[in-house]
Amino acid sequence: MSTAPQLVVHRDKELMAQAAAARLITRIVDAQASRGSASVVLTGGRNGNGVLAALAAAPARDAVDWSRLDLWWGDERFLPEGDPERNVTQAREALLEAVPLDPKRVHAMPASDGPHGDDVDAAAAAYAEELARAAGPENHGPVPTFDVLMLGVGPDTHVASLFPELPAVRETERTVVGVHGAPKPPPTRVTLTLPAIRAAREVWLLAAGEDKARAAAIALSGAGEIQAPAAGAYGRSRTLWLLDGAAASQLPRSLYPPASA
């Protein structure tokens, strides 16, 4: 069952990143207080990395028990380990190297020079198995119930590496798939599917900048998920769109006032 999206609009992308970082700290601390640990799915791109950089700079980051946090990724560029274009490489620079994480709980997606070589479908299957191993009986499915899953929204409405009309966005069974022929480079990627995304308690969609305004308007105006993958990304208990004023500029007035949360 989808949850109706809530909108929070910030003046600019810097404020959006800082507010999202503060919100994320609160969610992680709450999850750790109630269940002992927390799990978060990270996203790449300028907005995802902006949140991580803001988190690294936030004084309240020390409220998190970083050793009891599992980090996953929504998608990854299928490139060699350490490639500067990989989301995990950028995340390490923005945040991960600055906080005392348990390396065993940092679940990077496989690289193209890893144990599966250049077989992206085998790499995707391996990540699906890792997710399944981490899922407990209480999760009722083949992935953990992530506390927060963050997604950047592309100008074409793509989220993770689920692009409009391509096979990955139509996947209903598998939790992770290889992507061949993505319309933006690099063409080969690994991505969570919509069923895996919807396992999260909360899904946060990040959109900042004028180039995201049309995508946000389309996704929030009743478009179908095959044509607008962002429309199919929602959480079990909450779906939150975090936007700056530019990205919200084409939204119909009926979607205002933005929810405060």
C-alpha atoms as a PDB file:
ATOM      1  CA  MET A   1       0.000   0.000   0.000  1.00  0.00           C
ATOM      2  CA  SER A   2       1.391   3.383  -0.949  1.00  0.00           C
ATOM      3  CA  THR A   3       1.636   6.209   1.550  1.00  0.00           C
ATOM      4  CA  ALA A   4       0.546   9.650   0.407  1.00  0.00           C
ATOM      5  CA  PRO A   5       3.608  11.818  -0.104  1.00  0.00           C
ATOM      6  CA  GLN A   6       4.342  14.631   2.287  1.00  0.00           C
ATOM      7  CA  LEU A   7       6.183  17.678   0.994  1.00  0.00           C
ATOM      8  CA  VAL A   8       8.700  19.880   2.750  1.00  0.00           C
ATOM      9  CA  VAL A   9      10.009  22.807   0.713  1.00  0.00           C
ATOM     10  CA  HIS A  10      13.178  24.630   1.771  1.00  0.00           C
ATOM     11  CA  ARG A  11      14.441  27.949   0.470  1.00  0.00           C
ATOM     12  CA  ASP A  12      17.559  26.572  -1.165  1.00  0.00           C
ATOM     13  CA  LYS A  13      19.523  23.367  -1.591  1.00  0.00           C
ATOM     14  CA  GLU A  14      21.926  24.139   1.270  1.00  0.00           C
ATOM     15  CA  LEU A  15      19.086  24.484   3.756  1.00  0.00           C
ATOM     16  CA  MET A  16      17.465  21.373   2.323  1.00  0.00           C
ATOM     17  CA  ALA A  17      20.660  19.376   2.837  1.00  0.00           C
ATOM     18  CA  GLN A  18      21.119  20.640   6.401  1.00  0.00           C
ATOM     19  CA  ALA A  19      17.489  19.940   7.323  1.00  0.00           C
ATOM     20  CA  ALA A  20      17.598  16.468   5.770  1.00  0.00           C
ATOM     21  CA  ALA A  21      20.796  15.704   7.684  1.00  0.00           C
ATOM     22  CA  ALA A  22      19.200  16.821  10.967  1.00  0.00           C
ATOM     23  CA  ARG A  23      16.100  14.764  10.197  1.00  0.00           C
ATOM     24  CA  LEU A  24      18.238  11.721   9.395  1.00  0.00           C
ATOM     25  CA  ILE A  25      20.167  11.979  12.668  1.00  0.00           C
ATOM     26  CA  THR A  26      16.837  12.034  14.544  1.00  0.00           C
ATOM     27  CA  ARG A  27      15.515   8.995  12.688  1.00  0.00           C
ATOM     28  CA  ILE A  28      18.695   6.984  13.265  1.00  0.00           C
ATOM     29  CA  VAL A  29      18.809   7.848  16.979  1.00  0.00           C
ATOM     30  CA  ASP A  30      15.124   6.954  17.375  1.00  0.00           C
ATOM     31  CA  ALA A  31      15.598   3.605  15.610  1.00  0.00           C
ATOM     32  CA  GLN A  32      18.648   2.764  17.697  1.00  0.00           C
ATOM     33  CA  ALA A  33      16.788   3.650  20.879  1.00  0.00           C
ATOM     34  CA  SER A  34      13.836   1.415  20.009  1.00  0.00           C
ATOM     35  CA  ARG A  35      15.510  -1.499  18.213  1.00  0.00           C
ATOM     36  CA  GLY A  36      19.198  -1.283  19.064  1.00  0.00           C
ATOM     37  CA  SER A  37      20.363  -0.600  15.526  1.00  0.00           C
ATOM     38  CA  ALA A  38      19.334   1.308  12.435  1.00  0.00           C
ATOM     39  CA  SER A  39      19.569   0.779   8.689  1.00  0.00           C
ATOM     40  CA  VAL A  40      19.755   3.486   6.038  1.00  0.00           C
ATOM     41  CA  VAL A  41      19.928   3.307   2.259  1.00  0.00           C
ATOM     42  CA  LEU A  42      22.117   6.026   0.756  1.00  0.00           C
ATOM     43  CA  THR A  43      21.828   7.704  -2.608  1.00  0.00           C
ATOM     44  CA  GLY A  44      24.460   9.359  -4.763  1.00  0.00           C
ATOM     45  CA  GLY A  45      24.237  12.453  -6.910  1.00  0.00           C
ATOM     46  CA  ARG A  46      24.653  16.048  -5.879  1.00  0.00           C
ATOM     47  CA  ASN A  47      21.701  16.070  -3.480  1.00  0.00           C
ATOM     48  CA  GLY A  48      22.529  12.751  -1.829  1.00  0.00           C
ATOM     49  CA  ASN A  49      26.152  13.757  -1.376  1.00  0.00           C
ATOM     50  CA  GLY A  50      25.044  17.172  -0.150  1.00  0.00           C
ATOM     51  CA  VAL A  51      23.086  15.531   2.663  1.00  0.00           C
ATOM     52  CA  LEU A  52      26.074  13.367   3.603  1.00  0.00           C
ATOM     53  CA  ALA A  53      28.392  16.395   3.676  1.00  0.00           C
ATOM     54  CA  ALA A  54      25.885  18.270   5.841  1.00  0.00           C
ATOM     55  CA  LEU A  55      25.687  15.259   8.129  1.00  0.00           C
ATOM     56  CA  ALA A  56      29.474  15.191   8.470  1.00  0.00           C
ATOM     57  CA  ALA A  57      29.412  18.869   9.472  1.00  0.00           C
ATOM     58  CA  ALA A  58      26.482  18.592  11.889  1.00  0.00           C
ATOM     59  CA  PRO A  59      27.439  18.878  15.579  1.00  0.00           C
ATOM     60  CA  ALA A  60      24.585  16.493  16.422  1.00  0.00           C
ATOM     61  CA  ARG A  61      26.154  13.675  14.421  1.00  0.00           C
ATOM     62  CA  ASP A  62      27.793  12.431  17.616  1.00  0.00           C
ATOM     63  CA  ALA A  63      24.328  11.475  18.916  1.00  0.00           C
ATOM     64  CA  VAL A  64      24.436   8.538  16.469  1.00  0.00           C
ATOM     65  CA  ASP A  65      26.039   5.270  17.531  1.00  0.00           C
ATOM     66  CA  TRP A  66      27.791   4.766  14.210  1.00  0.00           C
ATOM     67  CA  SER A  67      28.882   1.238  15.147  1.00  0.00           C
ATOM     68  CA  ARG A  68      25.210   0.172  15.230  1.00  0.00           C
ATOM     69  CA  LEU A  69      24.257   1.510  11.812  1.00  0.00           C
ATOM     70  CA  ASP A  70      23.886  -0.522   8.633  1.00  0.00           C
ATOM     71  CA  LEU A  71      24.430   1.376   5.389  1.00  0.00           C
ATOM     72  CA  TRP A  72      23.137   0.144   2.042  1.00  0.00           C
ATOM     73  CA  TRP A  73      22.948   1.728  -1.381  1.00  0.00           C
ATOM     74  CA  GLY A  74      19.994   2.220  -3.679  1.00  0.00           C
ATOM     75  CA  ASP A  75      22.107   1.914  -6.783  1.00  0.00           C
ATOM     76  CA  GLU A  76      25.679   1.957  -7.988  1.00  0.00           C
ATOM     77  CA  ARG A  77      27.634   2.632 -11.123  1.00  0.00           C
ATOM     78  CA  PHE A  78      29.243  -0.658 -12.196  1.00  0.00           C
ATOM     79  CA  LEU A  79      32.821   0.617 -12.271  1.00  0.00           C
ATOM     80  CA  PRO A  80      36.086  -0.510 -10.661  1.00  0.00           C
ATOM     81  CA  GLU A  81      36.550  -0.221  -6.887  1.00  0.00           C
ATOM     82  CA  GLY A  82      37.682   3.284  -5.949  1.00  0.00           C
ATOM     83  CA  ASP A  83      36.467   4.894  -9.165  1.00  0.00           C
ATOM     84  CA  PRO A  84      35.564   8.505  -8.360  1.00  0.00           C
ATOM     85  CA  GLU A  85      32.224   8.080 -10.141  1.00  0.00           C
ATOM     86  CA  ARG A  86      31.064   5.307  -7.803  1.00  0.00           C
ATOM     87  CA  ASN A  87      28.497   6.376  -5.218  1.00  0.00           C
ATOM     88  CA  VAL A  88      30.357   4.587  -2.430  1.00  0.00           C
ATOM     89  CA  THR A  89      33.584   6.428  -3.287  1.00  0.00           C
ATOM     90  CA  GLN A  90      31.789   9.762  -3.086  1.00  0.00           C
ATOM     91  CA  ALA A  91      30.039   8.763   0.133  1.00  0.00           C
ATOM     92  CA  ARG A  92      33.350   7.851   1.739  1.00  0.00           C
ATOM     93  CA  GLU A  93      34.746  11.284   0.910  1.00  0.00           C
ATOM     94  CA  ALA A  94      31.615  13.121   2.054  1.00  0.00           C
ATOM     95  CA  LEU A  95      30.975  11.285   5.327  1.00  0.00           C
ATOM     96  CA  LEU A  96      31.988   7.677   5.859  1.00  0.00           C
ATOM     97  CA  GLU A  97      35.683   8.285   6.496  1.00  0.00           C
ATOM     98  CA  ALA A  98      34.802  10.869   9.160  1.00  0.00           C
ATOM     99  CA  VAL A  99      32.672   8.649  11.400  1.00  0.00           C
ATOM    100  CA  PRO A 100      33.428   5.398  13.299  1.00  0.00           C
ATOM    101  CA  LEU A 101      31.371   2.939  11.258  1.00  0.00           C
ATOM    102  CA  ASP A 102      31.677  -0.834  11.571  1.00  0.00           C
ATOM    103  CA  PRO A 103      33.163  -1.837   8.185  1.00  0.00           C
ATOM    104  CA  LYS A 104      31.128  -5.057   8.230  1.00  0.00           C
ATOM    105  CA  ARG A 105      27.955  -2.969   8.286  1.00  0.00           C
ATOM    106  CA  VAL A 106      28.845  -0.861   5.245  1.00  0.00           C
ATOM    107  CA  HIS A 107      27.226  -2.814   2.415  1.00  0.00           C
ATOM    108  CA  ALA A 108      28.701  -1.424  -0.787  1.00  0.00           C
ATOM    109  CA  MET A 109      27.402  -2.791  -4.060  1.00  0.00           C
ATOM    110  CA  PRO A 110      29.913  -4.892  -6.021  1.00  0.00           C
ATOM    111  CA  ALA A 111      32.458  -3.234  -8.280  1.00  0.00           C
ATOM    112  CA  SER A 112      33.230  -4.254 -11.851  1.00  0.00           C
ATOM    113  CA  ASP A 113      36.638  -5.572 -10.770  1.00  0.00           C
ATOM    114  CA  GLY A 114      35.193  -7.529  -7.845  1.00  0.00           C
ATOM    115  CA  PRO A 115      34.531 -11.272  -7.471  1.00  0.00           C
ATOM    116  CA  HIS A 116      31.898 -11.237 -10.226  1.00  0.00           C
ATOM    117  CA  GLY A 117      34.123  -9.548 -12.773  1.00  0.00           C
ATOM    118  CA  ASP A 118      32.214  -7.638 -15.386  1.00  0.00           C
ATOM    119  CA  ASP A 119      29.040  -9.720 -14.953  1.00  0.00           C
ATOM    120  CA  VAL A 120      26.641  -7.077 -13.662  1.00  0.00           C
ATOM    121  CA  ASP A 121      23.753  -9.513 -13.341  1.00  0.00           C
ATOM    122  CA  ALA A 122      25.810 -11.790 -11.082  1.00  0.00           C
ATOM    123  CA  ALA A 123      26.846  -8.743  -9.048  1.00  0.00           C
ATOM    124  CA  ALA A 124      23.193  -7.759  -8.650  1.00  0.00           C
ATOM    125  CA  ALA A 125      22.227 -11.282  -7.588  1.00  0.00           C
ATOM    126  CA  ALA A 126      25.006 -11.269  -4.988  1.00  0.00           C
ATOM    127  CA  TYR A 127      23.735  -8.008  -3.498  1.00  0.00           C
ATOM    128  CA  ALA A 128      20.223  -9.432  -3.393  1.00  0.00           C
ATOM    129  CA  GLU A 129      21.605 -12.402  -1.437  1.00  0.00           C
ATOM    130  CA  GLU A 130      23.374 -10.048   0.986  1.00  0.00           C
ATOM    131  CA  LEU A 131      20.118  -8.195   1.574  1.00  0.00           C
ATOM    132  CA  ALA A 132      18.248 -11.476   2.093  1.00  0.00           C
ATOM    133  CA  ARG A 133      20.807 -12.623   4.677  1.00  0.00           C
ATOM    134  CA  ALA A 134      20.300  -9.366   6.592  1.00  0.00           C
ATOM    135  CA  ALA A 135      16.508  -9.702   6.618  1.00  0.00           C
ATOM    136  CA  GLY A 136      15.060 -11.208   9.762  1.00  0.00           C
ATOM    137  CA  PRO A 137      11.745 -12.994  10.239  1.00  0.00           C
ATOM    138  CA  GLU A 138      10.206  -9.719  11.342  1.00  0.00           C
ATOM    139  CA  ASN A 139      10.897  -8.186   7.936  1.00  0.00           C
ATOM    140  CA  HIS A 140       8.378 -10.381   6.099  1.00  0.00           C
ATOM    141  CA  GLY A 141      10.395 -10.386   2.907  1.00  0.00           C
ATOM    142  CA  PRO A 142      13.756 -10.715   1.191  1.00  0.00           C
ATOM    143  CA  VAL A 143      15.196  -7.363   2.331  1.00  0.00           C
ATOM    144  CA  PRO A 144      15.564  -5.672   5.719  1.00  0.00           C
ATOM    145  CA  THR A 145      12.948  -3.109   6.692  1.00  0.00           C
ATOM    146  CA  PHE A 146      15.148  -0.066   6.159  1.00  0.00           C
ATOM    147  CA  ASP A 147      14.510   2.816   8.544  1.00  0.00           C
ATOM    148  CA  VAL A 148      15.184   5.447   5.880  1.00  0.00           C
ATOM    149  CA  LEU A 149      15.802   4.990   2.175  1.00  0.00           C
ATOM    150  CA  MET A 150      16.958   8.127   0.355  1.00  0.00           C
ATOM    151  CA  LEU A 151      16.597   8.680  -3.364  1.00  0.00           C
ATOM    152  CA  GLY A 152      17.654  11.504  -5.620  1.00  0.00           C
ATOM    153  CA  VAL A 153      15.161  12.378  -8.342  1.00  0.00           C
ATOM    154  CA  GLY A 154      16.579  12.777 -11.844  1.00  0.00           C
ATOM    155  CA  PRO A 155      15.334  15.349 -14.373  1.00  0.00           C
ATOM    156  CA  ASP A 156      13.727  12.438 -16.265  1.00  0.00           C
ATOM    157  CA  THR A 157      11.990  11.253 -13.034  1.00  0.00           C
ATOM    158  CA  HIS A 158      14.417   8.347 -12.543  1.00  0.00           C
ATOM    159  CA  VAL A 159      15.249   7.188  -9.017  1.00  0.00           C
ATOM    160  CA  ALA A 160      18.146   4.882  -8.113  1.00  0.00           C
ATOM    161  CA  SER A 161      18.954   3.478 -11.575  1.00  0.00           C
ATOM    162  CA  LEU A 162      15.326   2.888 -12.467  1.00  0.00           C
ATOM    163  CA  PHE A 163      14.819   4.815 -15.687  1.00  0.00           C
ATOM    164  CA  PRO A 164      11.472   5.441 -17.407  1.00  0.00           C
ATOM    165  CA  GLU A 165      10.257   2.535 -19.555  1.00  0.00           C
ATOM    166  CA  LEU A 166      13.424   0.428 -19.092  1.00  0.00           C
ATOM    167  CA  PRO A 167      13.165  -3.196 -17.881  1.00  0.00           C
ATOM    168  CA  ALA A 168      14.401  -2.532 -14.330  1.00  0.00           C
ATOM    169  CA  VAL A 169      11.445  -0.319 -13.433  1.00  0.00           C
ATOM    170  CA  ARG A 170       9.062  -3.097 -14.497  1.00  0.00           C
ATOM    171  CA  GLU A 171      10.680  -5.702 -12.214  1.00  0.00           C
ATOM    172  CA  THR A 172       8.233  -7.073  -9.648  1.00  0.00           C
ATOM    173  CA  GLU A 173      10.034 -10.147  -8.268  1.00  0.00           C
ATOM    174  CA  ARG A 174      13.754  -9.521  -7.821  1.00  0.00           C
ATOM    175  CA  THR A 175      15.047  -6.997  -5.293  1.00  0.00           C
ATOM    176  CA  VAL A 176      18.252  -6.061  -7.149  1.00  0.00           C
ATOM    177  CA  VAL A 177      18.918  -6.093 -10.890  1.00  0.00           C
ATOM    178  CA  GLY A 178      21.672  -5.217 -13.300  1.00  0.00           C
ATOM    179  CA  VAL A 179      20.982  -2.307 -15.629  1.00  0.00           C
ATOM    180  CA  HIS A 180      22.213  -2.424 -19.215  1.00  0.00           C
ATOM    181  CA  GLY A 181      22.064   0.594 -21.479  1.00  0.00           C
ATOM    182  CA  ALA A 182      21.167   3.290 -18.964  1.00  0.00           C
ATOM    183  CA  PRO A 183      20.449   6.558 -20.787  1.00  0.00           C
ATOM    184  CA  LYS A 184      23.058   8.421 -18.743  1.00  0.00           C
ATOM    185  CA  PRO A 185      26.662   7.300 -18.326  1.00  0.00           C
ATOM    186  CA  PRO A 186      27.888   4.895 -17.285  1.00  0.00           C
ATOM    187  CA  PRO A 187      25.379   2.612 -19.029  1.00  0.00           C
ATOM    188  CA  THR A 188      25.957  -0.389 -16.749  1.00  0.00           C
ATOM    189  CA  ARG A 189      24.659  -0.173 -13.188  1.00  0.00           C
ATOM    190  CA  VAL A 190      23.261  -2.123 -10.243  1.00  0.00           C
ATOM    191  CA  THR A 191      19.992  -0.973  -8.691  1.00  0.00           C
ATOM    192  CA  LEU A 192      17.381  -1.818  -6.114  1.00  0.00           C
ATOM    193  CA  THR A 193      13.969  -2.413  -7.656  1.00  0.00           C
ATOM    194  CA  LEU A 194      10.694  -0.808  -6.625  1.00  0.00           C
ATOM    195  CA  PRO A 195       9.702  -3.806  -4.444  1.00  0.00           C
ATOM    196  CA  ALA A 196      12.945  -3.432  -2.458  1.00  0.00           C
ATOM    197  CA  ILE A 197      12.508   0.333  -2.168  1.00  0.00           C
ATOM    198  CA  ARG A 198       8.980  -0.109  -0.833  1.00  0.00           C
ATOM    199  CA  ALA A 199      10.267  -2.293   2.003  1.00  0.00           C
ATOM    200  CA  ALA A 200      11.561   0.838   3.748  1.00  0.00           C
ATOM    201  CA  ARG A 201       9.686   2.392   6.635  1.00  0.00           C
ATOM    202  CA  GLU A 202      10.394   5.816   5.188  1.00  0.00           C
ATOM    203  CA  VAL A 203      11.348   6.785   1.649  1.00  0.00           C
ATOM    204  CA  TRP A 204      12.773  10.269   1.190  1.00  0.00           C
ATOM    205  CA  LEU A 205      12.969  11.752  -2.299  1.00  0.00           C
ATOM    206  CA  LEU A 206      15.448  14.604  -2.675  1.00  0.00           C
ATOM    207  CA  ALA A 207      15.047  17.191  -5.410  1.00  0.00           C
ATOM    208  CA  ALA A 208      16.830  20.529  -5.640  1.00  0.00           C
ATOM    209  CA  GLY A 209      17.363  22.841  -8.586  1.00  0.00           C
ATOM    210  CA  GLU A 210      15.302  24.097 -11.502  1.00  0.00           C
ATOM    211  CA  ASP A 211      16.289  21.055 -13.574  1.00  0.00           C
ATOM    212  CA  LYS A 212      14.257  18.882 -11.169  1.00  0.00           C
ATOM    213  CA  ALA A 213      11.083  21.000 -11.186  1.00  0.00           C
ATOM    214  CA  ARG A 214       9.316  19.277 -14.082  1.00  0.00           C
ATOM    215  CA  ALA A 215      10.229  15.820 -12.763  1.00  0.00           C
ATOM    216  CA  ALA A 216       8.806  16.624  -9.331  1.00  0.00           C
ATOM    217  CA  ALA A 217       5.611  17.991 -10.863  1.00  0.00           C
ATOM    218  CA  ILE A 218       5.135  14.909 -13.054  1.00  0.00           C
ATOM    219  CA  ALA A 219       5.852  12.403 -10.279  1.00  0.00           C
ATOM    220  CA  LEU A 220       3.561  14.149  -7.790  1.00  0.00           C
ATOM    221  CA  SER A 221       0.676  14.657 -10.219  1.00  0.00           C
ATOM    222  CA  GLY A 222      -0.452  11.069 -10.623  1.00  0.00           C
ATOM    223  CA  ALA A 223       1.925   9.774 -13.284  1.00  0.00           C
ATOM    224  CA  GLY A 224       2.457   6.034 -13.586  1.00  0.00           C
ATOM    225  CA  GLU A 225       5.646   4.454 -12.242  1.00  0.00           C
ATOM    226  CA  ILE A 226       6.718   2.966 -15.589  1.00  0.00           C
ATOM    227  CA  GLN A 227       6.770   6.420 -17.168  1.00  0.00           C
ATOM    228  CA  ALA A 228       7.844   8.222 -13.978  1.00  0.00           C
ATOM    229  CA  PRO A 229       9.734   5.872 -11.636  1.00  0.00           C
ATOM    230  CA  ALA A 230       9.792   8.464  -8.827  1.00  0.00           C
ATOM    231  CA  ALA A 231       6.004   8.101  -8.641  1.00  0.00           C
ATOM    232  CA  GLY A 232       6.446   4.449  -7.661  1.00  0.00           C
ATOM    233  CA  ALA A 233       8.869   5.092  -4.804  1.00  0.00           C
ATOM    234  CA  TYR A 234       7.082   5.115  -1.472  1.00  0.00           C
ATOM    235  CA  GLY A 235       7.608   3.895   2.073  1.00  0.00           C
ATOM    236  CA  ARG A 236       5.574   1.655   4.332  1.00  0.00           C
ATOM    237  CA  SER A 237       4.828   4.355   6.874  1.00  0.00           C
ATOM    238  CA  ARG A 238       5.991   7.561   5.208  1.00  0.00           C
ATOM    239  CA  THR A 239       6.935   9.040   1.857  1.00  0.00           C
ATOM    240  CA  LEU A 240       8.679  12.376   2.136  1.00  0.00           C
ATOM    241  CA  TRP A 241       9.625  14.729  -0.677  1.00  0.00           C
ATOM    242  CA  LEU A 242      12.357  17.131   0.391  1.00  0.00           C
ATOM    243  CA  LEU A 243      12.620  19.960  -2.131  1.00  0.00           C
ATOM    244  CA  ASP A 244      14.116  23.376  -2.532  1.00  0.00           C
ATOM    245  CA  GLY A 245      12.071  26.264  -3.881  1.00  0.00           C
ATOM    246  CA  ALA A 246      13.385  25.841  -7.419  1.00  0.00           C
ATOM    247  CA  ALA A 247      12.476  22.153  -7.599  1.00  0.00           C
ATOM    248  CA  ALA A 248       9.013  22.914  -6.184  1.00  0.00           C
ATOM    249  CA  SER A 249       8.336  25.773  -8.607  1.00  0.00           C
ATOM    250  CA  GLN A 250       6.121  23.786 -11.000  1.00  0.00           C
ATOM    251  CA  LEU A 251       4.076  21.889  -8.427  1.00  0.00           C
ATOM    252  CA  PRO A 252       0.310  22.371  -8.579  1.00  0.00           C
ATOM    253  CA  ARG A 253      -0.984  24.551  -5.787  1.00  0.00           C
ATOM    254  CA  SER A 254      -3.210  21.711  -4.617  1.00  0.00           C
ATOM    255  CA  LEU A 255      -0.102  20.030  -3.190  1.00  0.00           C
ATOM    256  CA  TYR A 256       0.513  22.943  -0.824  1.00  0.00           C
ATOM    257  CA  PRO A 257       0.872  23.681   2.006  1.00  0.00           C
ATOM    258  CA  PRO A 258       3.853  21.435   2.478  1.00  0.00           C
ATOM    259  CA  ALA A 259       3.652  19.092   5.426  1.00  0.00           C
ATOM    260  CA  SER A 260       5.815  19.959   8.375  1.00  0.00           C
ATOM    261  CA  ALA A 261       7.445  17.005  10.030  1.00  0.00           C
END
